[in-house]
Amino acid sequence: ACSCAFALATPVAMLASIGAAAKKGLLIKGGRYIEARALADVLLVDKTGTLTLGTPRLTDVLGLGQRSRDELLALAAAAESDSEHPLAEAVRRAARERGLTVPAPTRFAAMPGHGVDAAVGGVRVSVGSARLLREAPPAEAEKLASQGKTLLFVLLDGVLEGVLAAADTVRPEVPTALAQVRELGVRQIELLTGDNERAAAALAGELGIAYRANLLPEDKLAAVKAYQAQGRKVVMVGDGVNDAPALVQADVGVA
């Protein structure tokens, strides 16, 4: 049906490319993803751990109830003890640095896109985004958000008792990488994040890209599908559980 040379040329080139990439720590599932990347014109990226270093540090502990800031932080760290999210590690690290005693939770549940819910010493402790709130965030929280910080709300037995604020650093290679992506012909670059509007806007503005904030995993998935429905080829880059559905749906998922 075709010459032997032609039949051999493409597989050999693909194998050589995949092998060379593996030596650099880049694992590619198959040749068709290389081909799909060449046709891609949309890049969707997660924020924490993808555009940023993924090592946020806690900058503020705001108490809104009767409990002290140290007590509030210890309960939040206990609730976050089994979470894999970078923000959870920031909370745990802050508690360690303050020398706080962190009790072990008797129950733990992760709520993708929302936060965590745990039982600590007979108290229900919920830590996560503003989606946990029944009311608008307090003015003190809005002030922290205006500084581009990521907020975690701490609810004890369903009542908002405190706000934790964290800041992350943009990976130093990101601006150059985005410029190189544009040179490859990708014209649409968009940040998809579960973070708050102001934190997302601050980062997107710094990098000169579009953004969508306060997204759940299903919202990220819907964004990928919407571009694909327009006939676009989508690359999705993410590092967390919240990104998994979008990574699977994209023409090329990069973890």
C-alpha atoms as a PDB file:
ATOM      1  CA  ALA A   1       0.000   0.000   0.000  1.00  0.00           C
ATOM      2  CA  CYS A   2       2.958   2.329   0.543  1.00  0.00           C
ATOM      3  CA  SER A   3       6.730   2.261   0.470  1.00  0.00           C
ATOM      4  CA  CYS A   4       8.623   0.640   3.333  1.00  0.00           C
ATOM      5  CA  ALA A   5      10.569   3.863   3.833  1.00  0.00           C
ATOM      6  CA  PHE A   6       7.368   5.851   4.360  1.00  0.00           C
ATOM      7  CA  ALA A   7       5.878   3.226   6.684  1.00  0.00           C
ATOM      8  CA  LEU A   8       9.015   3.280   8.828  1.00  0.00           C
ATOM      9  CA  ALA A   9       9.733   7.006   8.846  1.00  0.00           C
ATOM     10  CA  THR A  10       6.856   8.236  11.012  1.00  0.00           C
ATOM     11  CA  PRO A  11       7.004   5.591  13.789  1.00  0.00           C
ATOM     12  CA  VAL A  12      10.778   5.918  14.067  1.00  0.00           C
ATOM     13  CA  ALA A  13      10.531   9.714  14.354  1.00  0.00           C
ATOM     14  CA  MET A  14       7.800   9.403  17.001  1.00  0.00           C
ATOM     15  CA  LEU A  15       9.747   6.826  19.019  1.00  0.00           C
ATOM     16  CA  ALA A  16      12.898   8.935  18.848  1.00  0.00           C
ATOM     17  CA  SER A  17      10.982  12.031  19.999  1.00  0.00           C
ATOM     18  CA  ILE A  18       9.259  10.241  22.874  1.00  0.00           C
ATOM     19  CA  GLY A  19      12.547   8.633  23.936  1.00  0.00           C
ATOM     20  CA  ALA A  20      14.407  11.940  23.884  1.00  0.00           C
ATOM     21  CA  ALA A  21      11.620  13.597  25.890  1.00  0.00           C
ATOM     22  CA  ALA A  22      11.690  10.816  28.492  1.00  0.00           C
ATOM     23  CA  LYS A  23      15.383  11.476  29.109  1.00  0.00           C
ATOM     24  CA  LYS A  24      14.400  15.045  30.032  1.00  0.00           C
ATOM     25  CA  GLY A  25      11.689  13.848  32.428  1.00  0.00           C
ATOM     26  CA  LEU A  26       8.789  14.449  30.031  1.00  0.00           C
ATOM     27  CA  LEU A  27       6.615  11.341  29.676  1.00  0.00           C
ATOM     28  CA  ILE A  28       4.379  11.284  26.565  1.00  0.00           C
ATOM     29  CA  LYS A  29       1.615   8.691  26.382  1.00  0.00           C
ATOM     30  CA  GLY A  30       1.779   8.235  22.615  1.00  0.00           C
ATOM     31  CA  GLY A  31       2.538   9.734  19.237  1.00  0.00           C
ATOM     32  CA  ARG A  32      -0.977  11.031  18.674  1.00  0.00           C
ATOM     33  CA  TYR A  33      -0.510  13.552  21.500  1.00  0.00           C
ATOM     34  CA  ILE A  34       2.519  15.009  19.736  1.00  0.00           C
ATOM     35  CA  GLU A  35       0.391  15.383  16.597  1.00  0.00           C
ATOM     36  CA  ALA A  36      -2.520  16.889  18.564  1.00  0.00           C
ATOM     37  CA  ARG A  37      -0.192  19.400  20.231  1.00  0.00           C
ATOM     38  CA  ALA A  38       0.984  20.547  16.807  1.00  0.00           C
ATOM     39  CA  LEU A  39      -2.632  21.402  15.902  1.00  0.00           C
ATOM     40  CA  ALA A  40      -3.531  23.047  19.249  1.00  0.00           C
ATOM     41  CA  ASP A  41      -4.625  26.671  19.276  1.00  0.00           C
ATOM     42  CA  VAL A  42      -5.964  26.990  22.850  1.00  0.00           C
ATOM     43  CA  LEU A  43      -3.989  26.625  26.091  1.00  0.00           C
ATOM     44  CA  LEU A  44      -5.909  26.412  29.369  1.00  0.00           C
ATOM     45  CA  VAL A  45      -3.888  26.521  32.583  1.00  0.00           C
ATOM     46  CA  ASP A  46      -4.536  25.977  36.267  1.00  0.00           C
ATOM     47  CA  LYS A  47      -3.075  28.464  38.767  1.00  0.00           C
ATOM     48  CA  THR A  48      -1.746  26.951  42.004  1.00  0.00           C
ATOM     49  CA  GLY A  49       1.223  24.691  41.340  1.00  0.00           C
ATOM     50  CA  THR A  50       1.025  25.324  37.598  1.00  0.00           C
ATOM     51  CA  LEU A  51       1.593  29.040  36.966  1.00  0.00           C
ATOM     52  CA  THR A  52       2.740  29.494  40.561  1.00  0.00           C
ATOM     53  CA  LEU A  53       5.353  27.561  42.503  1.00  0.00           C
ATOM     54  CA  GLY A  54       2.646  25.753  44.450  1.00  0.00           C
ATOM     55  CA  THR A  55       4.265  26.585  47.785  1.00  0.00           C
ATOM     56  CA  PRO A  56       1.959  29.309  49.119  1.00  0.00           C
ATOM     57  CA  ARG A  57       2.686  30.749  52.543  1.00  0.00           C
ATOM     58  CA  LEU A  58       0.086  31.852  55.053  1.00  0.00           C
ATOM     59  CA  THR A  59       0.263  35.628  55.440  1.00  0.00           C
ATOM     60  CA  ASP A  60      -2.743  36.434  57.640  1.00  0.00           C
ATOM     61  CA  VAL A  61      -4.914  34.753  60.261  1.00  0.00           C
ATOM     62  CA  LEU A  62      -8.080  36.756  60.871  1.00  0.00           C
ATOM     63  CA  GLY A  63     -10.265  35.824  63.831  1.00  0.00           C
ATOM     64  CA  LEU A  64     -13.954  36.735  63.676  1.00  0.00           C
ATOM     65  CA  GLY A  65     -15.237  34.947  66.783  1.00  0.00           C
ATOM     66  CA  GLN A  66     -14.218  34.260  70.351  1.00  0.00           C
ATOM     67  CA  ARG A  67     -11.367  31.870  69.599  1.00  0.00           C
ATOM     68  CA  SER A  68      -7.758  33.064  69.479  1.00  0.00           C
ATOM     69  CA  ARG A  69      -5.882  33.116  66.214  1.00  0.00           C
ATOM     70  CA  ASP A  70      -3.621  30.264  67.354  1.00  0.00           C
ATOM     71  CA  GLU A  71      -6.623  28.122  68.302  1.00  0.00           C
ATOM     72  CA  LEU A  72      -8.282  28.888  64.972  1.00  0.00           C
ATOM     73  CA  LEU A  73      -5.115  27.983  63.043  1.00  0.00           C
ATOM     74  CA  ALA A  74      -4.674  24.732  64.999  1.00  0.00           C
ATOM     75  CA  LEU A  75      -8.232  23.628  64.200  1.00  0.00           C
ATOM     76  CA  ALA A  76      -7.798  24.546  60.531  1.00  0.00           C
ATOM     77  CA  ALA A  77      -4.494  22.625  60.369  1.00  0.00           C
ATOM     78  CA  ALA A  78      -6.200  19.609  61.951  1.00  0.00           C
ATOM     79  CA  ALA A  79      -8.980  19.718  59.349  1.00  0.00           C
ATOM     80  CA  GLU A  80      -6.397  20.021  56.559  1.00  0.00           C
ATOM     81  CA  SER A  81      -4.181  17.225  57.916  1.00  0.00           C
ATOM     82  CA  ASP A  82      -5.174  14.704  55.207  1.00  0.00           C
ATOM     83  CA  SER A  83      -5.544  17.129  52.298  1.00  0.00           C
ATOM     84  CA  GLU A  84      -3.055  17.084  49.411  1.00  0.00           C
ATOM     85  CA  HIS A  85      -3.780  20.661  48.263  1.00  0.00           C
ATOM     86  CA  PRO A  86      -0.843  23.121  48.376  1.00  0.00           C
ATOM     87  CA  LEU A  87      -2.940  25.520  50.465  1.00  0.00           C
ATOM     88  CA  ALA A  88      -3.484  22.770  53.032  1.00  0.00           C
ATOM     89  CA  GLU A  89       0.283  22.373  53.356  1.00  0.00           C
ATOM     90  CA  ALA A  90       0.574  26.149  53.831  1.00  0.00           C
ATOM     91  CA  VAL A  91      -1.848  25.940  56.761  1.00  0.00           C
ATOM     92  CA  ARG A  92      -0.038  22.957  58.297  1.00  0.00           C
ATOM     93  CA  ARG A  93       3.352  24.652  57.865  1.00  0.00           C
ATOM     94  CA  ALA A  94       2.136  27.825  59.556  1.00  0.00           C
ATOM     95  CA  ALA A  95       0.874  25.788  62.519  1.00  0.00           C
ATOM     96  CA  ARG A  96       4.227  23.975  62.791  1.00  0.00           C
ATOM     97  CA  GLU A  97       6.188  27.224  62.620  1.00  0.00           C
ATOM     98  CA  ARG A  98       4.117  28.612  65.484  1.00  0.00           C
ATOM     99  CA  GLY A  99       4.702  25.469  67.530  1.00  0.00           C
ATOM    100  CA  LEU A 100       0.993  24.742  67.836  1.00  0.00           C
ATOM    101  CA  THR A 101      -0.431  21.428  68.997  1.00  0.00           C
ATOM    102  CA  VAL A 102      -2.590  20.120  66.176  1.00  0.00           C
ATOM    103  CA  PRO A 103      -5.192  17.511  67.207  1.00  0.00           C
ATOM    104  CA  ALA A 104      -5.983  14.566  64.956  1.00  0.00           C
ATOM    105  CA  PRO A 105      -9.373  14.678  63.189  1.00  0.00           C
ATOM    106  CA  THR A 106     -11.823  11.849  63.823  1.00  0.00           C
ATOM    107  CA  ARG A 107     -13.466  12.370  60.429  1.00  0.00           C
ATOM    108  CA  PHE A 108     -12.234  13.878  57.171  1.00  0.00           C
ATOM    109  CA  ALA A 109     -13.888  14.543  53.817  1.00  0.00           C
ATOM    110  CA  ALA A 110     -12.537  16.408  50.810  1.00  0.00           C
ATOM    111  CA  MET A 111     -15.010  18.531  48.872  1.00  0.00           C
ATOM    112  CA  PRO A 112     -13.464  19.183  45.425  1.00  0.00           C
ATOM    113  CA  GLY A 113     -13.776  22.835  44.489  1.00  0.00           C
ATOM    114  CA  HIS A 114     -15.007  23.756  47.966  1.00  0.00           C
ATOM    115  CA  GLY A 115     -12.498  22.652  50.593  1.00  0.00           C
ATOM    116  CA  VAL A 116     -12.443  20.126  53.425  1.00  0.00           C
ATOM    117  CA  ASP A 117     -14.832  19.124  56.170  1.00  0.00           C
ATOM    118  CA  ALA A 118     -13.623  17.372  59.336  1.00  0.00           C
ATOM    119  CA  ALA A 119     -14.515  16.554  62.920  1.00  0.00           C
ATOM    120  CA  VAL A 120     -11.912  17.776  65.398  1.00  0.00           C
ATOM    121  CA  GLY A 121     -12.453  17.316  69.128  1.00  0.00           C
ATOM    122  CA  GLY A 122     -16.214  17.222  68.746  1.00  0.00           C
ATOM    123  CA  VAL A 123     -16.266  20.341  66.547  1.00  0.00           C
ATOM    124  CA  ARG A 124     -17.182  20.297  62.878  1.00  0.00           C
ATOM    125  CA  VAL A 125     -14.428  22.230  61.109  1.00  0.00           C
ATOM    126  CA  SER A 126     -14.875  23.303  57.480  1.00  0.00           C
ATOM    127  CA  VAL A 127     -12.053  25.075  55.640  1.00  0.00           C
ATOM    128  CA  GLY A 128     -12.256  26.256  52.064  1.00  0.00           C
ATOM    129  CA  SER A 129     -13.421  28.782  49.514  1.00  0.00           C
ATOM    130  CA  ALA A 130     -16.251  31.311  49.729  1.00  0.00           C
ATOM    131  CA  ARG A 131     -18.614  28.603  48.411  1.00  0.00           C
ATOM    132  CA  LEU A 132     -18.807  27.377  52.016  1.00  0.00           C
ATOM    133  CA  LEU A 133     -20.473  30.636  53.067  1.00  0.00           C
ATOM    134  CA  ARG A 134     -24.170  31.346  53.174  1.00  0.00           C
ATOM    135  CA  GLU A 135     -23.528  35.076  53.305  1.00  0.00           C
ATOM    136  CA  ALA A 136     -21.159  37.512  51.602  1.00  0.00           C
ATOM    137  CA  PRO A 137     -17.555  37.475  52.850  1.00  0.00           C
ATOM    138  CA  PRO A 138     -16.835  40.058  55.558  1.00  0.00           C
ATOM    139  CA  ALA A 139     -15.216  43.381  54.682  1.00  0.00           C
ATOM    140  CA  GLU A 140     -11.936  42.331  56.316  1.00  0.00           C
ATOM    141  CA  ALA A 141     -11.735  39.392  53.914  1.00  0.00           C
ATOM    142  CA  GLU A 142     -12.414  41.619  50.911  1.00  0.00           C
ATOM    143  CA  LYS A 143      -9.465  43.784  51.927  1.00  0.00           C
ATOM    144  CA  LEU A 144      -7.158  40.751  51.901  1.00  0.00           C
ATOM    145  CA  ALA A 145      -8.583  39.581  48.553  1.00  0.00           C
ATOM    146  CA  SER A 146      -7.912  43.013  47.035  1.00  0.00           C
ATOM    147  CA  GLN A 147      -4.208  42.369  47.702  1.00  0.00           C
ATOM    148  CA  GLY A 148      -4.368  39.356  45.359  1.00  0.00           C
ATOM    149  CA  LYS A 149      -4.245  36.838  48.189  1.00  0.00           C
ATOM    150  CA  THR A 150      -6.030  33.492  48.230  1.00  0.00           C
ATOM    151  CA  LEU A 151      -8.587  33.192  51.031  1.00  0.00           C
ATOM    152  CA  LEU A 152      -9.588  30.183  53.111  1.00  0.00           C
ATOM    153  CA  PHE A 153     -12.677  30.528  55.264  1.00  0.00           C
ATOM    154  CA  VAL A 154     -12.832  28.620  58.548  1.00  0.00           C
ATOM    155  CA  LEU A 155     -16.276  27.550  59.765  1.00  0.00           C
ATOM    156  CA  LEU A 156     -16.819  25.917  63.157  1.00  0.00           C
ATOM    157  CA  ASP A 157     -20.104  24.036  63.430  1.00  0.00           C
ATOM    158  CA  GLY A 158     -21.299  25.937  60.370  1.00  0.00           C
ATOM    159  CA  VAL A 159     -20.475  29.412  61.719  1.00  0.00           C
ATOM    160  CA  LEU A 160     -17.781  31.561  60.094  1.00  0.00           C
ATOM    161  CA  GLU A 161     -15.091  32.050  62.740  1.00  0.00           C
ATOM    162  CA  GLY A 162     -12.048  33.107  60.763  1.00  0.00           C
ATOM    163  CA  VAL A 163     -10.272  33.804  57.488  1.00  0.00           C
ATOM    164  CA  LEU A 164      -6.823  32.605  56.455  1.00  0.00           C
ATOM    165  CA  ALA A 165      -4.962  34.385  53.652  1.00  0.00           C
ATOM    166  CA  ALA A 166      -2.121  32.915  51.604  1.00  0.00           C
ATOM    167  CA  ALA A 167       0.145  34.198  48.851  1.00  0.00           C
ATOM    168  CA  ASP A 168       2.021  32.251  46.193  1.00  0.00           C
ATOM    169  CA  THR A 169       4.829  33.204  43.806  1.00  0.00           C
ATOM    170  CA  VAL A 170       4.696  33.008  40.012  1.00  0.00           C
ATOM    171  CA  ARG A 171       7.149  30.471  38.608  1.00  0.00           C
ATOM    172  CA  PRO A 172      10.070  32.505  37.194  1.00  0.00           C
ATOM    173  CA  GLU A 173       9.994  30.584  33.889  1.00  0.00           C
ATOM    174  CA  VAL A 174       6.290  31.253  33.204  1.00  0.00           C
ATOM    175  CA  PRO A 175       6.507  34.568  31.260  1.00  0.00           C
ATOM    176  CA  THR A 176       9.127  33.122  28.885  1.00  0.00           C
ATOM    177  CA  ALA A 177       7.185  29.853  28.527  1.00  0.00           C
ATOM    178  CA  LEU A 178       3.975  31.702  27.614  1.00  0.00           C
ATOM    179  CA  ALA A 179       5.857  33.764  25.027  1.00  0.00           C
ATOM    180  CA  GLN A 180       7.241  30.557  23.501  1.00  0.00           C
ATOM    181  CA  VAL A 181       3.753  29.018  23.442  1.00  0.00           C
ATOM    182  CA  ARG A 182       2.493  32.021  21.479  1.00  0.00           C
ATOM    183  CA  GLU A 183       5.373  31.612  19.027  1.00  0.00           C
ATOM    184  CA  LEU A 184       4.162  28.029  18.458  1.00  0.00           C
ATOM    185  CA  GLY A 185       0.869  29.431  17.179  1.00  0.00           C
ATOM    186  CA  VAL A 186      -1.303  29.213  20.296  1.00  0.00           C
ATOM    187  CA  ARG A 187      -3.290  32.432  20.311  1.00  0.00           C
ATOM    188  CA  GLN A 188      -5.764  31.806  23.149  1.00  0.00           C
ATOM    189  CA  ILE A 189      -4.257  31.348  26.623  1.00  0.00           C
ATOM    190  CA  GLU A 190      -6.652  31.304  29.554  1.00  0.00           C
ATOM    191  CA  LEU A 191      -6.303  30.775  33.291  1.00  0.00           C
ATOM    192  CA  LEU A 192      -8.911  28.469  34.822  1.00  0.00           C
ATOM    193  CA  THR A 193      -8.856  28.562  38.621  1.00  0.00           C
ATOM    194  CA  GLY A 194     -10.974  27.824  41.638  1.00  0.00           C
ATOM    195  CA  ASP A 195      -9.351  30.816  43.325  1.00  0.00           C
ATOM    196  CA  ASN A 196     -11.192  34.071  44.002  1.00  0.00           C
ATOM    197  CA  GLU A 197     -11.818  36.727  41.352  1.00  0.00           C
ATOM    198  CA  ARG A 198      -9.273  39.254  42.580  1.00  0.00           C
ATOM    199  CA  ALA A 199      -6.406  36.790  42.998  1.00  0.00           C
ATOM    200  CA  ALA A 200      -7.082  35.423  39.518  1.00  0.00           C
ATOM    201  CA  ALA A 201      -7.351  38.905  37.990  1.00  0.00           C
ATOM    202  CA  ALA A 202      -4.068  40.004  39.593  1.00  0.00           C
ATOM    203  CA  LEU A 203      -2.138  37.018  38.208  1.00  0.00           C
ATOM    204  CA  ALA A 204      -3.785  37.093  34.775  1.00  0.00           C
ATOM    205  CA  GLY A 205      -3.110  40.817  34.492  1.00  0.00           C
ATOM    206  CA  GLU A 206       0.547  40.286  35.379  1.00  0.00           C
ATOM    207  CA  LEU A 207       0.904  37.622  32.686  1.00  0.00           C
ATOM    208  CA  GLY A 208      -1.324  39.229  30.045  1.00  0.00           C
ATOM    209  CA  ILE A 209      -3.757  36.319  29.707  1.00  0.00           C
ATOM    210  CA  ALA A 210      -7.513  35.824  30.029  1.00  0.00           C
ATOM    211  CA  TYR A 211      -8.984  34.190  33.128  1.00  0.00           C
ATOM    212  CA  ARG A 212     -12.004  32.591  34.766  1.00  0.00           C
ATOM    213  CA  ALA A 213     -12.221  32.399  38.560  1.00  0.00           C
ATOM    214  CA  ASN A 214     -14.236  30.564  41.229  1.00  0.00           C
ATOM    215  CA  LEU A 215     -14.444  27.443  39.050  1.00  0.00           C
ATOM    216  CA  LEU A 216     -15.474  23.969  40.168  1.00  0.00           C
ATOM    217  CA  PRO A 217     -13.999  20.882  38.439  1.00  0.00           C
ATOM    218  CA  GLU A 218     -17.109  20.621  36.270  1.00  0.00           C
ATOM    219  CA  ASP A 219     -16.712  24.295  35.245  1.00  0.00           C
ATOM    220  CA  LYS A 220     -13.185  23.633  33.983  1.00  0.00           C
ATOM    221  CA  LEU A 221     -14.501  20.616  32.098  1.00  0.00           C
ATOM    222  CA  ALA A 222     -17.253  22.746  30.537  1.00  0.00           C
ATOM    223  CA  ALA A 223     -14.689  25.342  29.400  1.00  0.00           C
ATOM    224  CA  VAL A 224     -12.697  22.664  27.558  1.00  0.00           C
ATOM    225  CA  LYS A 225     -15.847  21.273  25.913  1.00  0.00           C
ATOM    226  CA  ALA A 226     -16.980  24.759  24.843  1.00  0.00           C
ATOM    227  CA  TYR A 227     -13.736  25.394  22.951  1.00  0.00           C
ATOM    228  CA  GLN A 228     -13.861  21.926  21.387  1.00  0.00           C
ATOM    229  CA  ALA A 229     -17.431  22.584  20.231  1.00  0.00           C
ATOM    230  CA  GLN A 230     -16.012  25.551  18.278  1.00  0.00           C
ATOM    231  CA  GLY A 231     -13.615  23.170  16.511  1.00  0.00           C
ATOM    232  CA  ARG A 232     -10.619  24.324  18.576  1.00  0.00           C
ATOM    233  CA  LYS A 233      -7.815  21.988  19.688  1.00  0.00           C
ATOM    234  CA  VAL A 234      -7.216  22.346  23.430  1.00  0.00           C
ATOM    235  CA  VAL A 235      -4.182  21.750  25.636  1.00  0.00           C
ATOM    236  CA  MET A 236      -5.011  21.729  29.363  1.00  0.00           C
ATOM    237  CA  VAL A 237      -2.262  22.039  31.983  1.00  0.00           C
ATOM    238  CA  GLY A 238      -2.974  21.322  35.633  1.00  0.00           C
ATOM    239  CA  ASP A 239      -1.615  19.578  38.694  1.00  0.00           C
ATOM    240  CA  GLY A 240      -4.494  18.800  41.020  1.00  0.00           C
ATOM    241  CA  VAL A 241      -7.568  16.660  41.566  1.00  0.00           C
ATOM    242  CA  ASN A 242      -9.755  19.598  40.551  1.00  0.00           C
ATOM    243  CA  ASP A 243      -8.136  19.561  37.094  1.00  0.00           C
ATOM    244  CA  ALA A 244      -8.553  15.830  36.389  1.00  0.00           C
ATOM    245  CA  PRO A 245     -11.841  15.960  34.399  1.00  0.00           C
ATOM    246  CA  ALA A 246     -10.560  18.805  32.191  1.00  0.00           C
ATOM    247  CA  LEU A 247      -7.208  17.035  31.657  1.00  0.00           C
ATOM    248  CA  VAL A 248      -9.022  13.938  30.412  1.00  0.00           C
ATOM    249  CA  GLN A 249     -11.368  15.892  28.135  1.00  0.00           C
ATOM    250  CA  ALA A 250      -8.694  18.062  26.515  1.00  0.00           C
ATOM    251  CA  ASP A 251      -7.060  17.037  23.248  1.00  0.00           C
ATOM    252  CA  VAL A 252      -3.788  17.047  25.179  1.00  0.00           C
ATOM    253  CA  GLY A 253      -3.685  16.936  28.982  1.00  0.00           C
ATOM    254  CA  VAL A 254      -0.438  17.979  30.647  1.00  0.00           C
ATOM    255  CA  ALA A 255      -0.030  17.107  34.333  1.00  0.00           C
END
